[in-house]
């Protein structure tokens, strides 16, 4: 009688391990997106019922997001888990989360990419400012996400968003695409997927640019925890700034800083980004295509 022998003692309940053997290509990416839309519709329905029952205050809206947002990812979570389970007996997989930080070590790399994230967000501002004004309904919807209790806003945008979006966009989509195409193309396509996931151009443009940075860091380190942290840093600072009166009334930093201070900050951010890329690029990769995502062997079958 045979039994399944876990690779290196890997238990099925370990974080991310259920998805190591699912490497989606373009078809899988499309399916994951459609399932996310399905989950979003389901989440919106649940959220609508909750708001009708509890009222329409900012606090209630924030609480409803804590319910509806995770629901959006349930269909792709289930689908990816089933696909990975089917593949894990015979197919080689790649871990969603690895810890390959090179000679600099995890602390230096963490500080580097955190600063690079803030610099990247600042550099995105001129592109966002060039867009036409955001529609009132969308602006109100986004503001309602951060106008409720601070703990609820932070839990939604600083914990749930990095956890679920990085799992999907880097952990599944980017990792899968890297197994099918060259890393540069995979990073660009996954960044576009990340942008489209936001469903509006005002968030999509900075999401695409930051998605390129997140994707490159993921390729060089294999660390999903690291890109989750970067995502968390970006969202947390945005949420905190939105609570400060001086920043709340301004559309961009251009409205707060003098032209020369803005220009000096912009140049500094470019230098920070360039330095971070040099440091990250120095991390040697194990595989030209899969970067530093650790290989996971198929489960062996013992008789």
C-alpha atoms as a PDB file:
ATOM      1  CA  UNK A   1       0.000   0.000   0.000  1.00  0.00           C
ATOM      2  CA  UNK A   2       1.482   3.371  -1.044  1.00  0.00           C
ATOM      3  CA  UNK A   3       1.458   6.669   0.783  1.00  0.00           C
ATOM      4  CA  UNK A   4       2.520  10.206  -0.071  1.00  0.00           C
ATOM      5  CA  UNK A   5       5.792  11.337   1.373  1.00  0.00           C
ATOM      6  CA  UNK A   6       6.027  15.087   1.875  1.00  0.00           C
ATOM      7  CA  UNK A   7       8.984  16.885   0.317  1.00  0.00           C
ATOM      8  CA  UNK A   8      11.527  17.650   3.059  1.00  0.00           C
ATOM      9  CA  UNK A   9       8.860  17.187   5.695  1.00  0.00           C
ATOM     10  CA  UNK A  10       6.628  19.873   4.197  1.00  0.00           C
ATOM     11  CA  UNK A  11       3.237  19.811   5.887  1.00  0.00           C
ATOM     12  CA  UNK A  12       0.116  20.726   3.952  1.00  0.00           C
ATOM     13  CA  UNK A  13      -0.873  23.401   6.446  1.00  0.00           C
ATOM     14  CA  UNK A  14       2.300  25.460   6.039  1.00  0.00           C
ATOM     15  CA  UNK A  15       1.789  28.990   4.694  1.00  0.00           C
ATOM     16  CA  UNK A  16       1.858  29.122   0.867  1.00  0.00           C
ATOM     17  CA  UNK A  17       2.882  25.461   0.484  1.00  0.00           C
ATOM     18  CA  UNK A  18      -0.475  24.474  -1.009  1.00  0.00           C
ATOM     19  CA  UNK A  19       0.286  26.484  -4.162  1.00  0.00           C
ATOM     20  CA  UNK A  20       3.904  25.573  -4.950  1.00  0.00           C
ATOM     21  CA  UNK A  21       3.044  23.260  -7.838  1.00  0.00           C
ATOM     22  CA  UNK A  22       0.639  25.564  -9.661  1.00  0.00           C
ATOM     23  CA  UNK A  23       2.480  27.661 -12.261  1.00  0.00           C
ATOM     24  CA  UNK A  24      -0.176  29.499 -14.274  1.00  0.00           C
ATOM     25  CA  UNK A  25       0.479  30.763 -17.789  1.00  0.00           C
ATOM     26  CA  UNK A  26      -1.658  33.283 -19.665  1.00  0.00           C
ATOM     27  CA  UNK A  27      -4.699  31.006 -19.556  1.00  0.00           C
ATOM     28  CA  UNK A  28      -4.319  30.422 -15.835  1.00  0.00           C
ATOM     29  CA  UNK A  29      -3.782  34.143 -15.253  1.00  0.00           C
ATOM     30  CA  UNK A  30      -7.016  34.906 -17.102  1.00  0.00           C
ATOM     31  CA  UNK A  31      -8.898  32.316 -15.068  1.00  0.00           C
ATOM     32  CA  UNK A  32      -7.529  33.740 -11.805  1.00  0.00           C
ATOM     33  CA  UNK A  33      -8.641  37.222 -12.860  1.00  0.00           C
ATOM     34  CA  UNK A  34     -12.160  36.041 -13.753  1.00  0.00           C
ATOM     35  CA  UNK A  35     -12.408  34.219 -10.435  1.00  0.00           C
ATOM     36  CA  UNK A  36     -11.270  37.386  -8.658  1.00  0.00           C
ATOM     37  CA  UNK A  37     -14.042  39.334 -10.413  1.00  0.00           C
ATOM     38  CA  UNK A  38     -16.524  36.659  -9.368  1.00  0.00           C
ATOM     39  CA  UNK A  39     -15.278  36.896  -5.792  1.00  0.00           C
ATOM     40  CA  UNK A  40     -15.506  40.696  -5.932  1.00  0.00           C
ATOM     41  CA  UNK A  41     -19.140  40.494  -7.009  1.00  0.00           C
ATOM     42  CA  UNK A  42     -19.859  38.080  -4.190  1.00  0.00           C
ATOM     43  CA  UNK A  43     -17.990  40.315  -1.746  1.00  0.00           C
ATOM     44  CA  UNK A  44     -19.894  43.379  -2.946  1.00  0.00           C
ATOM     45  CA  UNK A  45     -23.173  41.545  -2.406  1.00  0.00           C
ATOM     46  CA  UNK A  46     -22.212  40.588   1.130  1.00  0.00           C
ATOM     47  CA  UNK A  47     -20.940  44.110   1.787  1.00  0.00           C
ATOM     48  CA  UNK A  48     -24.164  45.628   0.481  1.00  0.00           C
ATOM     49  CA  UNK A  49     -26.268  43.479   2.770  1.00  0.00           C
ATOM     50  CA  UNK A  50     -24.057  44.419   5.729  1.00  0.00           C
ATOM     51  CA  UNK A  51     -24.325  48.157   4.989  1.00  0.00           C
ATOM     52  CA  UNK A  52     -28.089  47.956   4.567  1.00  0.00           C
ATOM     53  CA  UNK A  53     -28.366  46.232   7.921  1.00  0.00           C
ATOM     54  CA  UNK A  54     -25.929  48.470   9.822  1.00  0.00           C
ATOM     55  CA  UNK A  55     -26.147  51.890   8.130  1.00  0.00           C
ATOM     56  CA  UNK A  56     -23.978  53.948   5.773  1.00  0.00           C
ATOM     57  CA  UNK A  57     -21.446  55.601   8.081  1.00  0.00           C
ATOM     58  CA  UNK A  58     -17.716  55.642   7.269  1.00  0.00           C
ATOM     59  CA  UNK A  59     -17.116  53.180  10.099  1.00  0.00           C
ATOM     60  CA  UNK A  60     -19.664  50.721   8.725  1.00  0.00           C
ATOM     61  CA  UNK A  61     -18.168  51.058   5.244  1.00  0.00           C
ATOM     62  CA  UNK A  62     -14.713  50.273   6.653  1.00  0.00           C
ATOM     63  CA  UNK A  63     -16.057  47.238   8.494  1.00  0.00           C
ATOM     64  CA  UNK A  64     -17.814  46.014   5.350  1.00  0.00           C
ATOM     65  CA  UNK A  65     -14.473  46.144   3.491  1.00  0.00           C
ATOM     66  CA  UNK A  66     -12.977  43.843   6.108  1.00  0.00           C
ATOM     67  CA  UNK A  67     -15.612  41.311   5.073  1.00  0.00           C
ATOM     68  CA  UNK A  68     -15.905  41.826   1.320  1.00  0.00           C
ATOM     69  CA  UNK A  69     -12.228  42.215   0.427  1.00  0.00           C
ATOM     70  CA  UNK A  70     -11.015  38.776   1.616  1.00  0.00           C
ATOM     71  CA  UNK A  71     -14.091  37.197   0.001  1.00  0.00           C
ATOM     72  CA  UNK A  72     -12.852  38.488  -3.382  1.00  0.00           C
ATOM     73  CA  UNK A  73      -9.882  36.138  -3.191  1.00  0.00           C
ATOM     74  CA  UNK A  74     -11.668  32.993  -2.037  1.00  0.00           C
ATOM     75  CA  UNK A  75     -12.470  31.684  -5.580  1.00  0.00           C
ATOM     76  CA  UNK A  76      -8.871  32.074  -6.877  1.00  0.00           C
ATOM     77  CA  UNK A  77      -7.521  30.663  -3.596  1.00  0.00           C
ATOM     78  CA  UNK A  78      -9.606  27.515  -3.959  1.00  0.00           C
ATOM     79  CA  UNK A  79      -8.909  27.138  -7.665  1.00  0.00           C
ATOM     80  CA  UNK A  80      -5.129  27.503  -7.266  1.00  0.00           C
ATOM     81  CA  UNK A  81      -5.070  25.059  -4.366  1.00  0.00           C
ATOM     82  CA  UNK A  82      -6.897  22.387  -6.370  1.00  0.00           C
ATOM     83  CA  UNK A  83      -4.631  22.886  -9.394  1.00  0.00           C
ATOM     84  CA  UNK A  84      -1.491  22.642  -7.240  1.00  0.00           C
ATOM     85  CA  UNK A  85      -2.695  19.494  -5.499  1.00  0.00           C
ATOM     86  CA  UNK A  86      -3.229  17.836  -8.856  1.00  0.00           C
ATOM     87  CA  UNK A  87       0.289  18.700  -9.992  1.00  0.00           C
ATOM     88  CA  UNK A  88       2.298  18.033  -6.858  1.00  0.00           C
ATOM     89  CA  UNK A  89       2.646  14.268  -7.278  1.00  0.00           C
ATOM     90  CA  UNK A  90       4.616  14.370 -10.509  1.00  0.00           C
ATOM     91  CA  UNK A  91       5.525  17.990 -11.357  1.00  0.00           C
ATOM     92  CA  UNK A  92       8.353  20.131 -10.035  1.00  0.00           C
ATOM     93  CA  UNK A  93       7.135  23.223  -8.245  1.00  0.00           C
ATOM     94  CA  UNK A  94       8.651  26.465  -7.009  1.00  0.00           C
ATOM     95  CA  UNK A  95       8.083  27.904  -3.559  1.00  0.00           C
ATOM     96  CA  UNK A  96       5.982  31.033  -3.337  1.00  0.00           C
ATOM     97  CA  UNK A  97       8.239  32.333  -0.576  1.00  0.00           C
ATOM     98  CA  UNK A  98      12.012  31.903  -0.324  1.00  0.00           C
ATOM     99  CA  UNK A  99      14.713  33.757   1.587  1.00  0.00           C
ATOM    100  CA  UNK A 100      17.583  34.431  -0.786  1.00  0.00           C
ATOM    101  CA  UNK A 101      19.038  37.799   0.199  1.00  0.00           C
ATOM    102  CA  UNK A 102      22.642  37.388  -0.904  1.00  0.00           C
ATOM    103  CA  UNK A 103      25.655  38.568   1.066  1.00  0.00           C
ATOM    104  CA  UNK A 104      23.923  41.749   2.301  1.00  0.00           C
ATOM    105  CA  UNK A 105      21.515  39.792   4.474  1.00  0.00           C
ATOM    106  CA  UNK A 106      17.815  40.150   5.130  1.00  0.00           C
ATOM    107  CA  UNK A 107      17.991  43.305   7.266  1.00  0.00           C
ATOM    108  CA  UNK A 108      19.884  45.388   4.703  1.00  0.00           C
ATOM    109  CA  UNK A 109      17.716  44.166   1.831  1.00  0.00           C
ATOM    110  CA  UNK A 110      14.538  44.871   3.826  1.00  0.00           C
ATOM    111  CA  UNK A 111      15.588  48.441   4.582  1.00  0.00           C
ATOM    112  CA  UNK A 112      16.709  48.943   0.980  1.00  0.00           C
ATOM    113  CA  UNK A 113      13.462  47.843  -0.633  1.00  0.00           C
ATOM    114  CA  UNK A 114      11.332  49.708   1.927  1.00  0.00           C
ATOM    115  CA  UNK A 115      13.081  52.991   1.067  1.00  0.00           C
ATOM    116  CA  UNK A 116      12.845  52.133  -2.632  1.00  0.00           C
ATOM    117  CA  UNK A 117       9.088  51.637  -2.282  1.00  0.00           C
ATOM    118  CA  UNK A 118       8.590  55.105  -0.788  1.00  0.00           C
ATOM    119  CA  UNK A 119      10.861  56.612  -3.440  1.00  0.00           C
ATOM    120  CA  UNK A 120       8.963  54.811  -6.191  1.00  0.00           C
ATOM    121  CA  UNK A 121       5.629  56.057  -4.891  1.00  0.00           C
ATOM    122  CA  UNK A 122       6.920  59.645  -4.962  1.00  0.00           C
ATOM    123  CA  UNK A 123       8.285  59.251  -8.495  1.00  0.00           C
ATOM    124  CA  UNK A 124       4.844  58.049  -9.660  1.00  0.00           C
ATOM    125  CA  UNK A 125       3.189  61.323  -8.611  1.00  0.00           C
ATOM    126  CA  UNK A 126       3.696  63.338 -11.814  1.00  0.00           C
ATOM    127  CA  UNK A 127       2.052  60.574 -13.848  1.00  0.00           C
ATOM    128  CA  UNK A 128      -0.928  60.415 -11.511  1.00  0.00           C
ATOM    129  CA  UNK A 129      -1.189  64.219 -11.484  1.00  0.00           C
ATOM    130  CA  UNK A 130      -1.356  64.255 -15.295  1.00  0.00           C
ATOM    131  CA  UNK A 131      -4.598  62.265 -15.273  1.00  0.00           C
ATOM    132  CA  UNK A 132      -7.973  64.048 -15.367  1.00  0.00           C
ATOM    133  CA  UNK A 133      -9.790  64.535 -12.078  1.00  0.00           C
ATOM    134  CA  UNK A 134     -11.075  61.368 -10.479  1.00  0.00           C
ATOM    135  CA  UNK A 135     -14.866  60.929 -10.742  1.00  0.00           C
ATOM    136  CA  UNK A 136     -16.666  61.999  -7.569  1.00  0.00           C
ATOM    137  CA  UNK A 137     -18.166  58.548  -6.949  1.00  0.00           C
ATOM    138  CA  UNK A 138     -14.768  56.860  -7.125  1.00  0.00           C
ATOM    139  CA  UNK A 139     -13.124  59.492  -4.937  1.00  0.00           C
ATOM    140  CA  UNK A 140     -15.851  59.050  -2.323  1.00  0.00           C
ATOM    141  CA  UNK A 141     -15.491  55.263  -2.463  1.00  0.00           C
ATOM    142  CA  UNK A 142     -11.716  55.421  -1.933  1.00  0.00           C
ATOM    143  CA  UNK A 143     -12.027  57.995   0.843  1.00  0.00           C
ATOM    144  CA  UNK A 144     -14.592  55.859   2.647  1.00  0.00           C
ATOM    145  CA  UNK A 145     -11.966  53.122   2.906  1.00  0.00           C
ATOM    146  CA  UNK A 146      -9.697  55.340   5.010  1.00  0.00           C
ATOM    147  CA  UNK A 147     -12.195  57.594   6.784  1.00  0.00           C
ATOM    148  CA  UNK A 148     -13.398  54.979   9.244  1.00  0.00           C
ATOM    149  CA  UNK A 149     -11.567  53.800  12.359  1.00  0.00           C
ATOM    150  CA  UNK A 150      -7.817  53.831  11.794  1.00  0.00           C
ATOM    151  CA  UNK A 151      -7.397  50.210  12.895  1.00  0.00           C
ATOM    152  CA  UNK A 152      -9.975  49.055  10.349  1.00  0.00           C
ATOM    153  CA  UNK A 153      -8.371  51.066   7.544  1.00  0.00           C
ATOM    154  CA  UNK A 154      -4.904  49.747   8.356  1.00  0.00           C
ATOM    155  CA  UNK A 155      -6.128  46.169   8.634  1.00  0.00           C
ATOM    156  CA  UNK A 156      -7.753  46.464   5.221  1.00  0.00           C
ATOM    157  CA  UNK A 157      -5.057  48.291   3.233  1.00  0.00           C
ATOM    158  CA  UNK A 158      -1.901  47.435   5.187  1.00  0.00           C
ATOM    159  CA  UNK A 159      -2.565  43.768   6.022  1.00  0.00           C
ATOM    160  CA  UNK A 160      -5.245  42.291   3.766  1.00  0.00           C
ATOM    161  CA  UNK A 161      -4.184  44.074   0.549  1.00  0.00           C
ATOM    162  CA  UNK A 162      -0.474  43.140   0.775  1.00  0.00           C
ATOM    163  CA  UNK A 163      -1.261  39.579   1.847  1.00  0.00           C
ATOM    164  CA  UNK A 164      -3.833  38.713  -0.813  1.00  0.00           C
ATOM    165  CA  UNK A 165      -2.607  40.855  -3.706  1.00  0.00           C
ATOM    166  CA  UNK A 166       1.011  39.764  -3.383  1.00  0.00           C
ATOM    167  CA  UNK A 167      -0.069  36.127  -3.085  1.00  0.00           C
ATOM    168  CA  UNK A 168      -1.964  36.498  -6.358  1.00  0.00           C
ATOM    169  CA  UNK A 169       0.173  38.920  -8.407  1.00  0.00           C
ATOM    170  CA  UNK A 170       3.684  37.870  -7.426  1.00  0.00           C
ATOM    171  CA  UNK A 171       3.266  34.489  -5.736  1.00  0.00           C
ATOM    172  CA  UNK A 172       1.044  32.972  -8.418  1.00  0.00           C
ATOM    173  CA  UNK A 173       1.004  35.084 -11.584  1.00  0.00           C
ATOM    174  CA  UNK A 174       4.635  36.246 -11.713  1.00  0.00           C
ATOM    175  CA  UNK A 175       6.056  32.926 -10.514  1.00  0.00           C
ATOM    176  CA  UNK A 176       3.932  31.096 -13.072  1.00  0.00           C
ATOM    177  CA  UNK A 177       4.816  33.412 -15.953  1.00  0.00           C
ATOM    178  CA  UNK A 178       8.536  33.138 -15.174  1.00  0.00           C
ATOM    179  CA  UNK A 179       8.265  29.401 -15.830  1.00  0.00           C
ATOM    180  CA  UNK A 180       6.811  30.130 -19.285  1.00  0.00           C
ATOM    181  CA  UNK A 181       8.689  33.224 -20.550  1.00  0.00           C
ATOM    182  CA  UNK A 182      11.730  35.429 -19.927  1.00  0.00           C
ATOM    183  CA  UNK A 183      11.839  37.219 -16.543  1.00  0.00           C
ATOM    184  CA  UNK A 184      11.566  40.741 -17.994  1.00  0.00           C
ATOM    185  CA  UNK A 185       8.404  39.899 -19.877  1.00  0.00           C
ATOM    186  CA  UNK A 186       6.970  38.054 -16.877  1.00  0.00           C
ATOM    187  CA  UNK A 187       7.629  41.019 -14.560  1.00  0.00           C
ATOM    188  CA  UNK A 188       5.983  43.445 -17.010  1.00  0.00           C
ATOM    189  CA  UNK A 189       2.911  41.267 -17.586  1.00  0.00           C
ATOM    190  CA  UNK A 190       2.446  40.606 -13.866  1.00  0.00           C
ATOM    191  CA  UNK A 191       2.760  44.352 -13.167  1.00  0.00           C
ATOM    192  CA  UNK A 192       0.055  44.996 -15.774  1.00  0.00           C
ATOM    193  CA  UNK A 193      -2.100  42.323 -14.122  1.00  0.00           C
ATOM    194  CA  UNK A 194      -1.546  44.049 -10.765  1.00  0.00           C
ATOM    195  CA  UNK A 195      -2.571  47.381 -12.301  1.00  0.00           C
ATOM    196  CA  UNK A 196      -5.719  46.002 -13.947  1.00  0.00           C
ATOM    197  CA  UNK A 197      -6.713  44.382 -10.662  1.00  0.00           C
ATOM    198  CA  UNK A 198      -7.315  47.889  -9.248  1.00  0.00           C
ATOM    199  CA  UNK A 199      -9.982  48.509 -11.931  1.00  0.00           C
ATOM    200  CA  UNK A 200      -9.291  52.252 -12.324  1.00  0.00           C
ATOM    201  CA  UNK A 201      -6.458  54.218 -13.980  1.00  0.00           C
ATOM    202  CA  UNK A 202      -5.835  56.503 -10.980  1.00  0.00           C
ATOM    203  CA  UNK A 203      -4.606  53.543  -8.968  1.00  0.00           C
ATOM    204  CA  UNK A 204      -3.490  51.421 -11.929  1.00  0.00           C
ATOM    205  CA  UNK A 205      -0.650  53.667 -13.117  1.00  0.00           C
ATOM    206  CA  UNK A 206       1.256  53.800  -9.808  1.00  0.00           C
ATOM    207  CA  UNK A 207       0.363  50.140  -9.246  1.00  0.00           C
ATOM    208  CA  UNK A 208       2.024  49.212 -12.548  1.00  0.00           C
ATOM    209  CA  UNK A 209       5.234  51.097 -11.732  1.00  0.00           C
ATOM    210  CA  UNK A 210       5.427  49.736  -8.190  1.00  0.00           C
ATOM    211  CA  UNK A 211       4.504  46.322  -9.592  1.00  0.00           C
ATOM    212  CA  UNK A 212       7.650  46.428 -11.728  1.00  0.00           C
ATOM    213  CA  UNK A 213       9.711  47.124  -8.600  1.00  0.00           C
ATOM    214  CA  UNK A 214       7.937  44.442  -6.550  1.00  0.00           C
ATOM    215  CA  UNK A 215       8.351  41.956  -9.385  1.00  0.00           C
ATOM    216  CA  UNK A 216      12.068  42.606  -9.763  1.00  0.00           C
ATOM    217  CA  UNK A 217      12.629  42.229  -6.024  1.00  0.00           C
ATOM    218  CA  UNK A 218      10.653  38.970  -6.077  1.00  0.00           C
ATOM    219  CA  UNK A 219      12.715  37.638  -8.999  1.00  0.00           C
ATOM    220  CA  UNK A 220      16.020  38.434  -7.285  1.00  0.00           C
ATOM    221  CA  UNK A 221      15.079  37.253  -3.767  1.00  0.00           C
ATOM    222  CA  UNK A 222      12.177  34.819  -4.191  1.00  0.00           C
ATOM    223  CA  UNK A 223      10.733  36.403  -1.054  1.00  0.00           C
ATOM    224  CA  UNK A 224       6.990  36.957  -1.034  1.00  0.00           C
ATOM    225  CA  UNK A 225       7.237  38.223   2.541  1.00  0.00           C
ATOM    226  CA  UNK A 226       9.502  40.980   1.255  1.00  0.00           C
ATOM    227  CA  UNK A 227       7.090  42.170  -1.437  1.00  0.00           C
ATOM    228  CA  UNK A 228       4.247  41.997   1.088  1.00  0.00           C
ATOM    229  CA  UNK A 229       6.281  44.274   3.334  1.00  0.00           C
ATOM    230  CA  UNK A 230       6.925  46.695   0.459  1.00  0.00           C
ATOM    231  CA  UNK A 231       3.225  46.732  -0.362  1.00  0.00           C
ATOM    232  CA  UNK A 232       2.434  47.299   3.314  1.00  0.00           C
ATOM    233  CA  UNK A 233       4.912  50.197   3.556  1.00  0.00           C
ATOM    234  CA  UNK A 234       3.359  51.939   0.560  1.00  0.00           C
ATOM    235  CA  UNK A 235      -0.234  51.515   1.714  1.00  0.00           C
ATOM    236  CA  UNK A 236       0.484  52.385   5.340  1.00  0.00           C
ATOM    237  CA  UNK A 237       2.204  55.651   4.503  1.00  0.00           C
ATOM    238  CA  UNK A 238      -0.618  56.567   2.105  1.00  0.00           C
ATOM    239  CA  UNK A 239      -3.209  55.900   4.792  1.00  0.00           C
ATOM    240  CA  UNK A 240      -1.341  57.858   7.457  1.00  0.00           C
ATOM    241  CA  UNK A 241      -0.775  60.827   5.152  1.00  0.00           C
ATOM    242  CA  UNK A 242      -4.470  60.845   4.289  1.00  0.00           C
ATOM    243  CA  UNK A 243      -5.197  61.444   7.983  1.00  0.00           C
ATOM    244  CA  UNK A 244      -2.956  64.523   8.222  1.00  0.00           C
ATOM    245  CA  UNK A 245      -4.972  67.721   7.516  1.00  0.00           C
ATOM    246  CA  UNK A 246      -2.221  69.393   5.436  1.00  0.00           C
ATOM    247  CA  UNK A 247      -1.948  66.364   3.179  1.00  0.00           C
ATOM    248  CA  UNK A 248      -5.665  65.604   3.162  1.00  0.00           C
ATOM    249  CA  UNK A 249      -6.449  68.832   1.325  1.00  0.00           C
ATOM    250  CA  UNK A 250      -3.674  68.340  -1.247  1.00  0.00           C
ATOM    251  CA  UNK A 251      -3.878  66.194  -4.360  1.00  0.00           C
ATOM    252  CA  UNK A 252      -0.110  65.639  -4.593  1.00  0.00           C
ATOM    253  CA  UNK A 253       3.113  66.709  -2.888  1.00  0.00           C
ATOM    254  CA  UNK A 254       3.357  69.395  -5.578  1.00  0.00           C
ATOM    255  CA  UNK A 255       0.621  71.244  -3.682  1.00  0.00           C
ATOM    256  CA  UNK A 256       2.631  71.185  -0.454  1.00  0.00           C
ATOM    257  CA  UNK A 257       6.298  71.537  -1.389  1.00  0.00           C
ATOM    258  CA  UNK A 258       7.858  74.493  -3.138  1.00  0.00           C
ATOM    259  CA  UNK A 259       9.022  73.774  -6.714  1.00  0.00           C
ATOM    260  CA  UNK A 260      12.704  73.529  -5.795  1.00  0.00           C
ATOM    261  CA  UNK A 261      12.017  71.305  -2.767  1.00  0.00           C
ATOM    262  CA  UNK A 262       9.825  69.065  -4.887  1.00  0.00           C
ATOM    263  CA  UNK A 263      12.504  68.847  -7.602  1.00  0.00           C
ATOM    264  CA  UNK A 264      15.225  68.087  -5.043  1.00  0.00           C
ATOM    265  CA  UNK A 265      13.069  65.372  -3.438  1.00  0.00           C
ATOM    266  CA  UNK A 266      12.285  63.888  -6.852  1.00  0.00           C
ATOM    267  CA  UNK A 267      15.981  63.676  -7.760  1.00  0.00           C
ATOM    268  CA  UNK A 268      16.759  62.147  -4.362  1.00  0.00           C
ATOM    269  CA  UNK A 269      14.081  59.509  -4.898  1.00  0.00           C
ATOM    270  CA  UNK A 270      15.521  58.658  -8.311  1.00  0.00           C
ATOM    271  CA  UNK A 271      18.932  58.159  -6.683  1.00  0.00           C
ATOM    272  CA  UNK A 272      17.418  55.985  -3.944  1.00  0.00           C
ATOM    273  CA  UNK A 273      15.665  53.831  -6.554  1.00  0.00           C
ATOM    274  CA  UNK A 274      18.816  53.484  -8.652  1.00  0.00           C
ATOM    275  CA  UNK A 275      20.906  52.558  -5.606  1.00  0.00           C
ATOM    276  CA  UNK A 276      18.326  49.999  -4.484  1.00  0.00           C
ATOM    277  CA  UNK A 277      18.269  48.363  -7.911  1.00  0.00           C
ATOM    278  CA  UNK A 278      22.069  48.116  -7.900  1.00  0.00           C
ATOM    279  CA  UNK A 279      21.988  46.432  -4.474  1.00  0.00           C
ATOM    280  CA  UNK A 280      19.194  44.032  -5.446  1.00  0.00           C
ATOM    281  CA  UNK A 281      20.854  43.228  -8.767  1.00  0.00           C
ATOM    282  CA  UNK A 282      23.980  42.127  -6.890  1.00  0.00           C
ATOM    283  CA  UNK A 283      22.080  39.179  -5.401  1.00  0.00           C
ATOM    284  CA  UNK A 284      23.110  36.102  -7.463  1.00  0.00           C
ATOM    285  CA  UNK A 285      20.228  34.089  -8.892  1.00  0.00           C
ATOM    286  CA  UNK A 286      20.000  30.304  -8.840  1.00  0.00           C
ATOM    287  CA  UNK A 287      18.116  30.053 -12.110  1.00  0.00           C
ATOM    288  CA  UNK A 288      18.144  32.453 -15.079  1.00  0.00           C
ATOM    289  CA  UNK A 289      14.406  32.042 -15.578  1.00  0.00           C
ATOM    290  CA  UNK A 290      12.977  31.403 -12.101  1.00  0.00           C
ATOM    291  CA  UNK A 291      15.401  33.685 -10.279  1.00  0.00           C
ATOM    292  CA  UNK A 292      15.681  32.828  -6.600  1.00  0.00           C
ATOM    293  CA  UNK A 293      12.410  30.944  -6.166  1.00  0.00           C
ATOM    294  CA  UNK A 294      13.398  27.706  -4.439  1.00  0.00           C
ATOM    295  CA  UNK A 295      12.618  24.511  -6.318  1.00  0.00           C
ATOM    296  CA  UNK A 296      10.116  22.109  -4.736  1.00  0.00           C
ATOM    297  CA  UNK A 297      10.364  18.508  -5.896  1.00  0.00           C
ATOM    298  CA  UNK A 298       7.294  16.380  -6.672  1.00  0.00           C
ATOM    299  CA  UNK A 299       5.981  14.267  -3.832  1.00  0.00           C
ATOM    300  CA  UNK A 300       7.467  10.777  -3.964  1.00  0.00           C
ATOM    301  CA  UNK A 301       5.250   7.723  -3.764  1.00  0.00           C
ATOM    302  CA  UNK A 302       6.555   5.017  -1.468  1.00  0.00           C
ATOM    303  CA  UNK A 303       5.230   1.479  -1.730  1.00  0.00           C
END
